[in-house]
Amino acid sequence: MGKINIGAFTDRITFLKAVNSKGQIAQLHKQYVVLTSVFANVQVLPTSESVVDGNLISLEKIHVETYTLPGINTNCIIRWGSYDYNISSVVYDKTRPFMELDAIKMLNDER
């Protein structure tokens, strides 16, 4: 974990957690519940492209640095601006109260 500058925590992000519930005929419904909103340093990483169902998709990735929060894991998502991002990794600093996360922008049909 590199040097963290808390003065760079200028972006407001929201952590959400997926909660599954059953419908009337046993289908699963996924809803997202807000855990907390915090300030963080968000950096957009170089974009990679892939083909999904015959369409070329640009997968935007972000790197987030923020204070350590209990309960944040890869089952959570990040809402930054009007977009949602699946968390792909979480690294906690062992000596300081910070964590770093990597996340990939969700496609419209994943929400």
PDB file of N, CA and C in Angstrom:
ATOM      1  N   MET A   1       0.858  -1.159   0.000  1.00  0.00           N
ATOM      2  CA  MET A   1       0.000   0.000   0.000  1.00  0.00           C
ATOM      3  C   MET A   1       0.905   1.224   0.000  1.00  0.00           C
ATOM      4  N   GLY A   2       0.650   2.118  -0.925  1.00  0.00           N
ATOM      5  CA  GLY A   2       1.492   3.300  -1.054  1.00  0.00           C
ATOM      6  C   GLY A   2       1.118   4.386  -0.068  1.00  0.00           C
ATOM      7  N   LYS A   3       1.727   5.537  -0.287  1.00  0.00           N
ATOM      8  CA  LYS A   3       1.455   6.685   0.575  1.00  0.00           C
ATOM      9  C   LYS A   3       0.070   7.233   0.250  1.00  0.00           C
ATOM     10  N   ILE A   4      -0.714   7.497   1.286  1.00  0.00           N
ATOM     11  CA  ILE A   4      -2.078   7.984   1.103  1.00  0.00           C
ATOM     12  C   ILE A   4      -2.152   9.428   1.562  1.00  0.00           C
ATOM     13  N   ASN A   5      -2.731  10.279   0.709  1.00  0.00           N
ATOM     14  CA  ASN A   5      -2.897  11.699   0.999  1.00  0.00           C
ATOM     15  C   ASN A   5      -4.375  11.949   1.280  1.00  0.00           C
ATOM     16  N   ILE A   6      -4.740  12.145   2.557  1.00  0.00           N
ATOM     17  CA  ILE A   6      -6.153  12.332   2.867  1.00  0.00           C
ATOM     18  C   ILE A   6      -6.705  13.652   2.336  1.00  0.00           C
ATOM     19  N   GLY A   7      -5.824  14.572   1.963  1.00  0.00           N
ATOM     20  CA  GLY A   7      -6.267  15.809   1.331  1.00  0.00           C
ATOM     21  C   GLY A   7      -6.852  15.564  -0.048  1.00  0.00           C
ATOM     22  N   ALA A   8      -6.558  14.383  -0.618  1.00  0.00           N
ATOM     23  CA  ALA A   8      -7.088  14.032  -1.935  1.00  0.00           C
ATOM     24  C   ALA A   8      -8.457  13.358  -1.846  1.00  0.00           C
ATOM     25  N   PHE A   9      -9.002  13.197  -0.644  1.00  0.00           N
ATOM     26  CA  PHE A   9     -10.312  12.573  -0.466  1.00  0.00           C
ATOM     27  C   PHE A   9     -11.393  13.609  -0.788  1.00  0.00           C
ATOM     28  N   THR A  10     -11.587  13.879  -2.062  1.00  0.00           N
ATOM     29  CA  THR A  10     -12.515  14.922  -2.504  1.00  0.00           C
ATOM     30  C   THR A  10     -13.760  14.366  -3.197  1.00  0.00           C
ATOM     31  N   ASP A  11     -13.780  13.083  -3.479  1.00  0.00           N
ATOM     32  CA  ASP A  11     -14.912  12.467  -4.174  1.00  0.00           C
ATOM     33  C   ASP A  11     -15.845  11.811  -3.162  1.00  0.00           C
ATOM     34  N   ARG A  12     -17.127  12.033  -3.311  1.00  0.00           N
ATOM     35  CA  ARG A  12     -18.105  11.405  -2.412  1.00  0.00           C
ATOM     36  C   ARG A  12     -18.588  10.119  -3.072  1.00  0.00           C
ATOM     37  N   ILE A  13     -18.438   8.999  -2.362  1.00  0.00           N
ATOM     38  CA  ILE A  13     -18.897   7.711  -2.873  1.00  0.00           C
ATOM     39  C   ILE A  13     -19.858   7.094  -1.859  1.00  0.00           C
ATOM     40  N   THR A  14     -20.678   6.182  -2.349  1.00  0.00           N
ATOM     41  CA  THR A  14     -21.625   5.474  -1.494  1.00  0.00           C
ATOM     42  C   THR A  14     -21.382   3.983  -1.650  1.00  0.00           C
ATOM     43  N   PHE A  15     -21.300   3.278  -0.529  1.00  0.00           N
ATOM     44  CA  PHE A  15     -21.185   1.826  -0.539  1.00  0.00           C
ATOM     45  C   PHE A  15     -22.577   1.236  -0.374  1.00  0.00           C
ATOM     46  N   LEU A  16     -22.900   0.258  -1.220  1.00  0.00           N
ATOM     47  CA  LEU A  16     -24.176  -0.432  -1.151  1.00  0.00           C
ATOM     48  C   LEU A  16     -23.932  -1.938  -1.069  1.00  0.00           C
ATOM     49  N   LYS A  17     -24.828  -2.643  -0.425  1.00  0.00           N
ATOM     50  CA  LYS A  17     -24.711  -4.092  -0.292  1.00  0.00           C
ATOM     51  C   LYS A  17     -25.942  -4.743  -0.904  1.00  0.00           C
ATOM     52  N   ALA A  18     -25.727  -5.834  -1.650  1.00  0.00           N
ATOM     53  CA  ALA A  18     -26.831  -6.556  -2.273  1.00  0.00           C
ATOM     54  C   ALA A  18     -27.569  -7.389  -1.235  1.00  0.00           C
ATOM     55  N   VAL A  19     -28.889  -7.311  -1.275  1.00  0.00           N
ATOM     56  CA  VAL A  19     -29.742  -8.117  -0.416  1.00  0.00           C
ATOM     57  C   VAL A  19     -30.696  -8.875  -1.326  1.00  0.00           C
ATOM     58  N   ASN A  20     -30.673 -10.201  -1.238  1.00  0.00           N
ATOM     59  CA  ASN A  20     -31.547 -11.026  -2.049  1.00  0.00           C
ATOM     60  C   ASN A  20     -32.825 -11.346  -1.289  1.00  0.00           C
ATOM     61  N   SER A  21     -33.948 -11.296  -1.989  1.00  0.00           N
ATOM     62  CA  SER A  21     -35.227 -11.675  -1.394  1.00  0.00           C
ATOM     63  C   SER A  21     -35.987 -12.505  -2.419  1.00  0.00           C
ATOM     64  N   LYS A  22     -36.919 -13.304  -1.934  1.00  0.00           N
ATOM     65  CA  LYS A  22     -37.712 -14.151  -2.824  1.00  0.00           C
ATOM     66  C   LYS A  22     -39.028 -13.480  -3.159  1.00  0.00           C
ATOM     67  N   GLY A  23     -39.431 -13.657  -4.415  1.00  0.00           N
ATOM     68  CA  GLY A  23     -40.719 -13.146  -4.848  1.00  0.00           C
ATOM     69  C   GLY A  23     -41.822 -14.145  -4.558  1.00  0.00           C
ATOM     70  N   GLN A  24     -42.999 -13.908  -5.104  1.00  0.00           N
ATOM     71  CA  GLN A  24     -44.151 -14.768  -4.836  1.00  0.00           C
ATOM     72  C   GLN A  24     -43.992 -16.172  -5.412  1.00  0.00           C
ATOM     73  N   ILE A  25     -43.296 -16.297  -6.529  1.00  0.00           N
ATOM     74  CA  ILE A  25     -43.102 -17.625  -7.123  1.00  0.00           C
ATOM     75  C   ILE A  25     -41.627 -18.032  -7.080  1.00  0.00           C
ATOM     76  N   ALA A  26     -40.974 -17.714  -5.984  1.00  0.00           N
ATOM     77  CA  ALA A  26     -39.614 -18.151  -5.641  1.00  0.00           C
ATOM     78  C   ALA A  26     -38.510 -17.576  -6.524  1.00  0.00           C
ATOM     79  N   GLN A  27     -38.794 -16.549  -7.304  1.00  0.00           N
ATOM     80  CA  GLN A  27     -37.717 -15.911  -8.052  1.00  0.00           C
ATOM     81  C   GLN A  27     -36.952 -14.974  -7.115  1.00  0.00           C
ATOM     82  N   LEU A  28     -35.670 -14.845  -7.360  1.00  0.00           N
ATOM     83  CA  LEU A  28     -34.842 -13.987  -6.515  1.00  0.00           C
ATOM     84  C   LEU A  28     -34.865 -12.556  -7.026  1.00  0.00           C
ATOM     85  N   HIS A  29     -35.004 -11.615  -6.103  1.00  0.00           N
ATOM     86  CA  HIS A  29     -34.919 -10.189  -6.406  1.00  0.00           C
ATOM     87  C   HIS A  29     -33.701  -9.644  -5.682  1.00  0.00           C
ATOM     88  N   LYS A  30     -32.860  -8.944  -6.399  1.00  0.00           N
ATOM     89  CA  LYS A  30     -31.689  -8.326  -5.782  1.00  0.00           C
ATOM     90  C   LYS A  30     -31.947  -6.846  -5.604  1.00  0.00           C
ATOM     91  N   GLN A  31     -31.825  -6.395  -4.371  1.00  0.00           N
ATOM     92  CA  GLN A  31     -31.959  -4.984  -4.066  1.00  0.00           C
ATOM     93  C   GLN A  31     -30.683  -4.521  -3.396  1.00  0.00           C
ATOM     94  N   TYR A  32     -30.336  -3.262  -3.602  1.00  0.00           N
ATOM     95  CA  TYR A  32     -29.139  -2.714  -2.984  1.00  0.00           C
ATOM     96  C   TYR A  32     -29.530  -1.786  -1.843  1.00  0.00           C
ATOM     97  N   VAL A  33     -28.896  -2.009  -0.696  1.00  0.00           N
ATOM     98  CA  VAL A  33     -29.152  -1.224   0.501  1.00  0.00           C
ATOM     99  C   VAL A  33     -27.918  -0.370   0.780  1.00  0.00           C
ATOM    100  N   VAL A  34     -28.134   0.910   1.048  1.00  0.00           N
ATOM    101  CA  VAL A  34     -27.030   1.826   1.319  1.00  0.00           C
ATOM    102  C   VAL A  34     -26.398   1.484   2.660  1.00  0.00           C
ATOM    103  N   LEU A  35     -25.072   1.295   2.663  1.00  0.00           N
ATOM    104  CA  LEU A  35     -24.334   1.072   3.903  1.00  0.00           C
ATOM    105  C   LEU A  35     -23.856   2.399   4.486  1.00  0.00           C
ATOM    106  N   THR A  36     -23.142   3.179   3.665  1.00  0.00           N
ATOM    107  CA  THR A  36     -22.623   4.464   4.129  1.00  0.00           C
ATOM    108  C   THR A  36     -22.121   5.278   2.944  1.00  0.00           C
ATOM    109  N   SER A  37     -21.994   6.574   3.143  1.00  0.00           N
ATOM    110  CA  SER A  37     -21.377   7.474   2.169  1.00  0.00           C
ATOM    111  C   SER A  37     -20.143   8.077   2.808  1.00  0.00           C
ATOM    112  N   VAL A  38     -19.057   8.144   2.052  1.00  0.00           N
ATOM    113  CA  VAL A  38     -17.789   8.654   2.574  1.00  0.00           C
ATOM    114  C   VAL A  38     -17.081   9.473   1.496  1.00  0.00           C
ATOM    115  N   PHE A  39     -16.059  10.200   1.937  1.00  0.00           N
ATOM    116  CA  PHE A  39     -15.178  10.880   0.994  1.00  0.00           C
ATOM    117  C   PHE A  39     -14.002   9.966   0.694  1.00  0.00           C
ATOM    118  N   ALA A  40     -13.549  10.005  -0.551  1.00  0.00           N
ATOM    119  CA  ALA A  40     -12.478   9.118  -0.984  1.00  0.00           C
ATOM    120  C   ALA A  40     -11.699   9.767  -2.112  1.00  0.00           C
ATOM    121  N   ASN A  41     -10.563   9.171  -2.416  1.00  0.00           N
ATOM    122  CA  ASN A  41      -9.783   9.541  -3.585  1.00  0.00           C
ATOM    123  C   ASN A  41     -10.089   8.503  -4.652  1.00  0.00           C
ATOM    124  N   VAL A  42     -10.714   8.916  -5.751  1.00  0.00           N
ATOM    125  CA  VAL A  42     -11.092   8.006  -6.829  1.00  0.00           C
ATOM    126  C   VAL A  42     -10.254   8.335  -8.059  1.00  0.00           C
ATOM    127  N   GLN A  43      -9.603   7.325  -8.595  1.00  0.00           N
ATOM    128  CA  GLN A  43      -8.786   7.485  -9.798  1.00  0.00           C
ATOM    129  C   GLN A  43      -9.325   6.543 -10.865  1.00  0.00           C
ATOM    130  N   VAL A  44      -9.584   7.078 -12.055  1.00  0.00           N
ATOM    131  CA  VAL A  44     -10.035   6.262 -13.170  1.00  0.00           C
ATOM    132  C   VAL A  44      -8.801   5.623 -13.803  1.00  0.00           C
ATOM    133  N   LEU A  45      -8.831   4.302 -13.944  1.00  0.00           N
ATOM    134  CA  LEU A  45      -7.708   3.548 -14.501  1.00  0.00           C
ATOM    135  C   LEU A  45      -7.890   3.388 -16.001  1.00  0.00           C
ATOM    136  N   PRO A  46      -6.820   3.042 -16.713  1.00  0.00           N
ATOM    137  CA  PRO A  46      -6.961   2.804 -18.163  1.00  0.00           C
ATOM    138  C   PRO A  46      -8.050   1.775 -18.449  1.00  0.00           C
ATOM    139  N   THR A  47      -8.827   2.032 -19.474  1.00  0.00           N
ATOM    140  CA  THR A  47      -9.986   1.212 -19.811  1.00  0.00           C
ATOM    141  C   THR A  47      -9.590   0.053 -20.712  1.00  0.00           C
ATOM    142  N   SER A  48     -10.165  -1.115 -20.441  1.00  0.00           N
ATOM    143  CA  SER A  48      -9.973  -2.265 -21.327  1.00  0.00           C
ATOM    144  C   SER A  48     -11.275  -2.507 -22.076  1.00  0.00           C
ATOM    145  N   GLU A  49     -11.176  -3.147 -23.209  1.00  0.00           N
ATOM    146  CA  GLU A  49     -12.355  -3.429 -24.015  1.00  0.00           C
ATOM    147  C   GLU A  49     -12.550  -4.928 -24.115  1.00  0.00           C
ATOM    148  N   SER A  50     -13.810  -5.347 -24.170  1.00  0.00           N
ATOM    149  CA  SER A  50     -14.110  -6.762 -24.367  1.00  0.00           C
ATOM    150  C   SER A  50     -15.407  -6.866 -25.157  1.00  0.00           C
ATOM    151  N   VAL A  51     -15.650  -8.056 -25.702  1.00  0.00           N
ATOM    152  CA  VAL A  51     -16.850  -8.296 -26.480  1.00  0.00           C
ATOM    153  C   VAL A  51     -17.845  -9.050 -25.607  1.00  0.00           C
ATOM    154  N   VAL A  52     -19.044  -8.477 -25.438  1.00  0.00           N
ATOM    155  CA  VAL A  52     -20.106  -9.097 -24.660  1.00  0.00           C
ATOM    156  C   VAL A  52     -21.332  -9.204 -25.558  1.00  0.00           C
ATOM    157  N   ASP A  53     -21.786 -10.433 -25.807  1.00  0.00           N
ATOM    158  CA  ASP A  53     -22.948 -10.680 -26.673  1.00  0.00           C
ATOM    159  C   ASP A  53     -22.800 -10.001 -28.030  1.00  0.00           C
ATOM    160  N   GLY A  54     -21.612 -10.035 -28.585  1.00  0.00           N
ATOM    161  CA  GLY A  54     -21.366  -9.463 -29.897  1.00  0.00           C
ATOM    162  C   GLY A  54     -21.191  -7.958 -29.917  1.00  0.00           C
ATOM    163  N   ASN A  55     -21.218  -7.314 -28.770  1.00  0.00           N
ATOM    164  CA  ASN A  55     -21.044  -5.862 -28.689  1.00  0.00           C
ATOM    165  C   ASN A  55     -19.715  -5.539 -28.040  1.00  0.00           C
ATOM    166  N   LEU A  56     -19.037  -4.531 -28.551  1.00  0.00           N
ATOM    167  CA  LEU A  56     -17.782  -4.077 -27.965  1.00  0.00           C
ATOM    168  C   LEU A  56     -18.090  -3.200 -26.762  1.00  0.00           C
ATOM    169  N   ILE A  57     -17.597  -3.604 -25.594  1.00  0.00           N
ATOM    170  CA  ILE A  57     -17.886  -2.906 -24.341  1.00  0.00           C
ATOM    171  C   ILE A  57     -16.575  -2.393 -23.747  1.00  0.00           C
ATOM    172  N   SER A  58     -16.561  -1.130 -23.342  1.00  0.00           N
ATOM    173  CA  SER A  58     -15.420  -0.568 -22.627  1.00  0.00           C
ATOM    174  C   SER A  58     -15.686  -0.688 -21.133  1.00  0.00           C
ATOM    175  N   LEU A  59     -14.829  -1.421 -20.437  1.00  0.00           N
ATOM    176  CA  LEU A  59     -15.007  -1.638 -19.006  1.00  0.00           C
ATOM    177  C   LEU A  59     -14.169  -0.627 -18.237  1.00  0.00           C
ATOM    178  N   GLU A  60     -14.830   0.380 -17.690  1.00  0.00           N
ATOM    179  CA  GLU A  60     -14.139   1.404 -16.917  1.00  0.00           C
ATOM    180  C   GLU A  60     -13.792   0.854 -15.539  1.00  0.00           C
ATOM    181  N   LYS A  61     -12.548   1.060 -15.136  1.00  0.00           N
ATOM    182  CA  LYS A  61     -12.092   0.607 -13.824  1.00  0.00           C
ATOM    183  C   LYS A  61     -11.706   1.827 -12.997  1.00  0.00           C
ATOM    184  N   ILE A  62     -11.936   1.716 -11.686  1.00  0.00           N
ATOM    185  CA  ILE A  62     -11.527   2.782 -10.779  1.00  0.00           C
ATOM    186  C   ILE A  62     -10.711   2.196  -9.635  1.00  0.00           C
ATOM    187  N   HIS A  63      -9.860   3.039  -9.071  1.00  0.00           N
ATOM    188  CA  HIS A  63      -9.082   2.698  -7.882  1.00  0.00           C
ATOM    189  C   HIS A  63      -9.486   3.702  -6.812  1.00  0.00           C
ATOM    190  N   VAL A  64      -9.879   3.200  -5.632  1.00  0.00           N
ATOM    191  CA  VAL A  64     -10.417   4.040  -4.570  1.00  0.00           C
ATOM    192  C   VAL A  64      -9.560   3.905  -3.319  1.00  0.00           C
ATOM    193  N   GLU A  65      -9.250   5.031  -2.708  1.00  0.00           N
ATOM    194  CA  GLU A  65      -8.584   5.049  -1.404  1.00  0.00           C
ATOM    195  C   GLU A  65      -9.504   5.778  -0.443  1.00  0.00           C
ATOM    196  N   THR A  66      -9.744   5.178   0.728  1.00  0.00           N
ATOM    197  CA  THR A  66     -10.618   5.787   1.730  1.00  0.00           C
ATOM    198  C   THR A  66     -10.295   5.215   3.099  1.00  0.00           C
ATOM    199  N   TYR A  67     -10.997   5.697   4.094  1.00  0.00           N
ATOM    200  CA  TYR A  67     -10.828   5.182   5.454  1.00  0.00           C
ATOM    201  C   TYR A  67     -11.379   3.758   5.538  1.00  0.00           C
ATOM    202  N   THR A  68     -10.815   2.948   6.416  1.00  0.00           N
ATOM    203  CA  THR A  68     -11.284   1.583   6.614  1.00  0.00           C
ATOM    204  C   THR A  68     -12.705   1.594   7.163  1.00  0.00           C
ATOM    205  N   LEU A  69     -13.558   0.792   6.556  1.00  0.00           N
ATOM    206  CA  LEU A  69     -14.952   0.672   6.979  1.00  0.00           C
ATOM    207  C   LEU A  69     -15.281  -0.801   7.188  1.00  0.00           C
ATOM    208  N   PRO A  70     -15.876  -1.154   8.312  1.00  0.00           N
ATOM    209  CA  PRO A  70     -16.224  -2.562   8.535  1.00  0.00           C
ATOM    210  C   PRO A  70     -17.336  -3.006   7.586  1.00  0.00           C
ATOM    211  N   GLY A  71     -17.270  -4.250   7.153  1.00  0.00           N
ATOM    212  CA  GLY A  71     -18.317  -4.817   6.315  1.00  0.00           C
ATOM    213  C   GLY A  71     -18.166  -4.581   4.834  1.00  0.00           C
ATOM    214  N   ILE A  72     -17.145  -3.873   4.407  1.00  0.00           N
ATOM    215  CA  ILE A  72     -16.943  -3.637   2.977  1.00  0.00           C
ATOM    216  C   ILE A  72     -16.149  -4.807   2.417  1.00  0.00           C
ATOM    217  N   ASN A  73     -16.722  -5.464   1.393  1.00  0.00           N
ATOM    218  CA  ASN A  73     -16.064  -6.597   0.751  1.00  0.00           C
ATOM    219  C   ASN A  73     -16.488  -6.658  -0.710  1.00  0.00           C
ATOM    220  N   THR A  74     -16.136  -7.744  -1.391  1.00  0.00           N
ATOM    221  CA  THR A  74     -16.428  -7.848  -2.819  1.00  0.00           C
ATOM    222  C   THR A  74     -17.905  -8.133  -3.118  1.00  0.00           C
ATOM    223  N   ASN A  75     -18.729  -8.281  -2.090  1.00  0.00           N
ATOM    224  CA  ASN A  75     -20.177  -8.415  -2.282  1.00  0.00           C
ATOM    225  C   ASN A  75     -20.864  -7.051  -2.320  1.00  0.00           C
ATOM    226  N   CYS A  76     -20.110  -6.003  -2.113  1.00  0.00           N
ATOM    227  CA  CYS A  76     -20.650  -4.640  -2.114  1.00  0.00           C
ATOM    228  C   CYS A  76     -20.394  -3.978  -3.464  1.00  0.00           C
ATOM    229  N   ILE A  77     -21.079  -2.871  -3.690  1.00  0.00           N
ATOM    230  CA  ILE A  77     -20.811  -2.057  -4.875  1.00  0.00           C
ATOM    231  C   ILE A  77     -20.551  -0.626  -4.423  1.00  0.00           C
ATOM    232  N   ILE A  78     -19.943   0.139  -5.332  1.00  0.00           N
ATOM    233  CA  ILE A  78     -19.667   1.551  -5.093  1.00  0.00           C
ATOM    234  C   ILE A  78     -20.531   2.361  -6.050  1.00  0.00           C
ATOM    235  N   ARG A  79     -21.207   3.367  -5.543  1.00  0.00           N
ATOM    236  CA  ARG A  79     -21.924   4.316  -6.391  1.00  0.00           C
ATOM    237  C   ARG A  79     -21.121   5.605  -6.381  1.00  0.00           C
ATOM    238  N   TRP A  80     -20.648   5.995  -7.553  1.00  0.00           N
ATOM    239  CA  TRP A  80     -19.849   7.207  -7.703  1.00  0.00           C
ATOM    240  C   TRP A  80     -20.491   8.021  -8.820  1.00  0.00           C
ATOM    241  N   GLY A  81     -20.983   9.181  -8.486  1.00  0.00           N
ATOM    242  CA  GLY A  81     -21.741   9.961  -9.466  1.00  0.00           C
ATOM    243  C   GLY A  81     -23.043   9.221  -9.752  1.00  0.00           C
ATOM    244  N   SER A  82     -23.324   8.983 -11.012  1.00  0.00           N
ATOM    245  CA  SER A  82     -24.553   8.263 -11.373  1.00  0.00           C
ATOM    246  C   SER A  82     -24.259   6.835 -11.832  1.00  0.00           C
ATOM    247  N   TYR A  83     -23.058   6.334 -11.564  1.00  0.00           N
ATOM    248  CA  TYR A  83     -22.673   4.995 -12.007  1.00  0.00           C
ATOM    249  C   TYR A  83     -22.378   4.082 -10.824  1.00  0.00           C
ATOM    250  N   ASP A  84     -22.598   2.790 -11.036  1.00  0.00           N
ATOM    251  CA  ASP A  84     -22.319   1.781 -10.033  1.00  0.00           C
ATOM    252  C   ASP A  84     -21.132   0.938 -10.481  1.00  0.00           C
ATOM    253  N   TYR A  85     -20.317   0.515  -9.507  1.00  0.00           N
ATOM    254  CA  TYR A  85     -19.107  -0.248  -9.778  1.00  0.00           C
ATOM    255  C   TYR A  85     -19.064  -1.475  -8.873  1.00  0.00           C
ATOM    256  N   ASN A  86     -18.805  -2.655  -9.462  1.00  0.00           N
ATOM    257  CA  ASN A  86     -18.607  -3.880  -8.692  1.00  0.00           C
ATOM    258  C   ASN A  86     -17.212  -3.859  -8.094  1.00  0.00           C
ATOM    259  N   ILE A  87     -17.103  -4.090  -6.794  1.00  0.00           N
ATOM    260  CA  ILE A  87     -15.790  -4.124  -6.145  1.00  0.00           C
ATOM    261  C   ILE A  87     -15.126  -5.444  -6.484  1.00  0.00           C
ATOM    262  N   SER A  88     -13.916  -5.377  -7.032  1.00  0.00           N
ATOM    263  CA  SER A  88     -13.185  -6.595  -7.397  1.00  0.00           C
ATOM    264  C   SER A  88     -12.101  -6.957  -6.397  1.00  0.00           C
ATOM    265  N   SER A  89     -11.608  -5.985  -5.633  1.00  0.00           N
ATOM    266  CA  SER A  89     -10.614  -6.298  -4.598  1.00  0.00           C
ATOM    267  C   SER A  89     -10.623  -5.227  -3.520  1.00  0.00           C
ATOM    268  N   VAL A  90     -10.304  -5.666  -2.296  1.00  0.00           N
ATOM    269  CA  VAL A  90     -10.208  -4.776  -1.145  1.00  0.00           C
ATOM    270  C   VAL A  90      -8.906  -5.100  -0.429  1.00  0.00           C
ATOM    271  N   VAL A  91      -8.076  -4.070  -0.177  1.00  0.00           N
ATOM    272  CA  VAL A  91      -6.818  -4.255   0.549  1.00  0.00           C
ATOM    273  C   VAL A  91      -6.832  -3.307   1.737  1.00  0.00           C
ATOM    274  N   TYR A  92      -6.723  -3.879   2.930  1.00  0.00           N
ATOM    275  CA  TYR A  92      -6.690  -3.078   4.161  1.00  0.00           C
ATOM    276  C   TYR A  92      -5.244  -2.811   4.551  1.00  0.00           C
ATOM    277  N   ASP A  93      -4.960  -1.591   4.977  1.00  0.00           N
ATOM    278  CA  ASP A  93      -3.638  -1.242   5.490  1.00  0.00           C
ATOM    279  C   ASP A  93      -3.545  -1.782   6.912  1.00  0.00           C
ATOM    280  N   LYS A  94      -2.481  -2.531   7.201  1.00  0.00           N
ATOM    281  CA  LYS A  94      -2.335  -3.154   8.516  1.00  0.00           C
ATOM    282  C   LYS A  94      -1.937  -2.166   9.609  1.00  0.00           C
ATOM    283  N   THR A  95      -1.312  -1.050   9.236  1.00  0.00           N
ATOM    284  CA  THR A  95      -0.797  -0.123  10.238  1.00  0.00           C
ATOM    285  C   THR A  95      -1.574   1.190  10.326  1.00  0.00           C
ATOM    286  N   ARG A  96      -2.348   1.503   9.301  1.00  0.00           N
ATOM    287  CA  ARG A  96      -3.103   2.759   9.287  1.00  0.00           C
ATOM    288  C   ARG A  96      -4.567   2.472   8.969  1.00  0.00           C
ATOM    289  N   PRO A  97      -5.483   3.365   9.319  1.00  0.00           N
ATOM    290  CA  PRO A  97      -6.915   3.098   9.127  1.00  0.00           C
ATOM    291  C   PRO A  97      -7.413   3.417   7.717  1.00  0.00           C
ATOM    292  N   PHE A  98      -6.770   2.833   6.704  1.00  0.00           N
ATOM    293  CA  PHE A  98      -7.147   3.088   5.314  1.00  0.00           C
ATOM    294  C   PHE A  98      -7.335   1.768   4.581  1.00  0.00           C
ATOM    295  N   MET A  99      -8.070   1.843   3.461  1.00  0.00           N
ATOM    296  CA  MET A  99      -8.212   0.696   2.568  1.00  0.00           C
ATOM    297  C   MET A  99      -8.180   1.180   1.133  1.00  0.00           C
ATOM    298  N   GLU A 100      -7.769   0.280   0.247  1.00  0.00           N
ATOM    299  CA  GLU A 100      -7.756   0.546  -1.183  1.00  0.00           C
ATOM    300  C   GLU A 100      -8.651  -0.473  -1.858  1.00  0.00           C
ATOM    301  N   LEU A 101      -9.436  -0.005  -2.825  1.00  0.00           N
ATOM    302  CA  LEU A 101     -10.362  -0.873  -3.533  1.00  0.00           C
ATOM    303  C   LEU A 101     -10.190  -0.690  -5.032  1.00  0.00           C
ATOM    304  N   ASP A 102     -10.398  -1.758  -5.774  1.00  0.00           N
ATOM    305  CA  ASP A 102     -10.494  -1.695  -7.219  1.00  0.00           C
ATOM    306  C   ASP A 102     -11.903  -2.112  -7.592  1.00  0.00           C
ATOM    307  N   ALA A 103     -12.475  -1.463  -8.597  1.00  0.00           N
ATOM    308  CA  ALA A 103     -13.851  -1.748  -8.980  1.00  0.00           C
ATOM    309  C   ALA A 103     -14.017  -1.566 -10.488  1.00  0.00           C
ATOM    310  N   ILE A 104     -15.001  -2.284 -11.050  1.00  0.00           N
ATOM    311  CA  ILE A 104     -15.290  -2.247 -12.472  1.00  0.00           C
ATOM    312  C   ILE A 104     -16.722  -1.748 -12.655  1.00  0.00           C
ATOM    313  N   LYS A 105     -16.895  -0.837 -13.603  1.00  0.00           N
ATOM    314  CA  LYS A 105     -18.213  -0.246 -13.863  1.00  0.00           C
ATOM    315  C   LYS A 105     -19.215  -1.335 -14.261  1.00  0.00           C
ATOM    316  N   MET A 106     -20.392  -1.279 -13.649  1.00  0.00           N
ATOM    317  CA  MET A 106     -21.442  -2.249 -13.936  1.00  0.00           C
ATOM    318  C   MET A 106     -22.124  -1.921 -15.261  1.00  0.00           C
ATOM    319  N   LEU A 107     -22.510  -2.966 -15.980  1.00  0.00           N
ATOM    320  CA  LEU A 107     -23.300  -2.776 -17.183  1.00  0.00           C
ATOM    321  C   LEU A 107     -24.729  -2.491 -16.776  1.00  0.00           C
ATOM    322  N   ASN A 108     -25.513  -1.887 -17.663  1.00  0.00           N
ATOM    323  CA  ASN A 108     -26.882  -1.506 -17.327  1.00  0.00           C
ATOM    324  C   ASN A 108     -27.744  -2.678 -16.895  1.00  0.00           C
ATOM    325  N   ASP A 109     -27.543  -3.869 -17.494  1.00  0.00           N
ATOM    326  CA  ASP A 109     -28.398  -5.013 -17.157  1.00  0.00           C
ATOM    327  C   ASP A 109     -27.944  -5.745 -15.897  1.00  0.00           C
ATOM    328  N   GLU A 110     -26.860  -5.308 -15.261  1.00  0.00           N
ATOM    329  CA  GLU A 110     -26.406  -5.920 -14.012  1.00  0.00           C
ATOM    330  C   GLU A 110     -27.088  -5.308 -12.802  1.00  0.00           C
ATOM    331  N   ARG A 111     -27.725  -4.185 -12.935  1.00  0.00           N
ATOM    332  CA  ARG A 111     -28.302  -3.470 -11.793  1.00  0.00           C
ATOM    333  C   ARG A 111     -29.590  -4.078 -11.342  1.00  0.00           C
TER     334      ARG A 111
END
